[in-house]
Amino acid sequence: MFDTQTTGLPSIHALRRNSPPIVTVRNLSLHYGEKQALDDVSFDLYPGEILAFIGPSGCGKSTALKCLNRMHDDAQDVLIEGTILMNGDNIHGPDIDPPLHRRRFGWVAQKPNPFPTSIFENVAYPARLHGLTRNRKALKIHVEQCLRRAGLWDEVVEHLTVKSGTELSGGQQQRLCVARALSTSPEVLLMDEPTGSIDPIATQRIEDLLLELKRDQAIVIITHSMAQARRIADRVAYFHLGKLLELQPTEAMFTAPRTTEARAFIAGKMG
């Protein structure tokens, strides 16, 4: 059963002004063939919050993240049990179109992966693919808005159509990937160690960006940096061997973790 005391949900209700969760996960288990990767995972994601997943490598964080936007659909020998609701609708229901469901999420990976095309096309392509703009003028406005929200516009405005996204610096490439993720107007951003391969200055810019973006998007971020989780997250979820052992508001997690495993991990004694 879902334990509200373990997850710290009462305090998040006050933090999120009693908003209902945008995503509700209950009793989620996942098997790759005979191997169990997730075991009875339950949590909520609220509008306007940053939820950080922490835990040792291979403990199920990325697997859980990919369940939210159904990235496991085409994987072989995958069995998913439990329920994931988005705004009250079962994401695996018969009336859910998987591509349309995925459009509600933006994805940013650990290593920047811009398309080998112009900066403009990196952001324009997803919007054009999904028919989100009416004409070229509207598309230009949309691209500018996404680049501005990603904090990149002023740095690339003179090179939009002549410079490839792959020619930017590592930090700029990652912000371009954020702009691309925003181009489908997602409700949720999923970020798998988005600062794991960029320098500290670029990392700070991405963190500042996430604190701004959470006004409009819920964000789930996987991070191996305890300092980063403490700086930017509203709540922190600790995964261990496929289980979500603990979920608390950030300060409570770092000052008074309830489980032995979380205490050891946060103290650097494990993982």
Foldseek 3Di string as FASTA:
>chain_A
DDDCVQAAVVVVCVVQVNADFQKWWFQKWKDQAPRTQAGGATDTFHALFEEEEEEDPSQRPVVVLCVQLVVCVPPPRMDIDTFMDGVRHTCPDPPHDSVVSNLQEFEAEQFQDFDQFFLLCSQLVVCVVVVVADDPVRSVVLLLVLCVLLVHCVVCVVGRHPDTLVPDDRLNSLSSSSSNSCSSVHQEYEYENNNNPDDPVSVVSNLVSVNVCSVRHTYYYYHHDLVSCLVRGQKYFYGGNNYRRGIHGSVCLQPPNDDPNSVCSSVVNHD
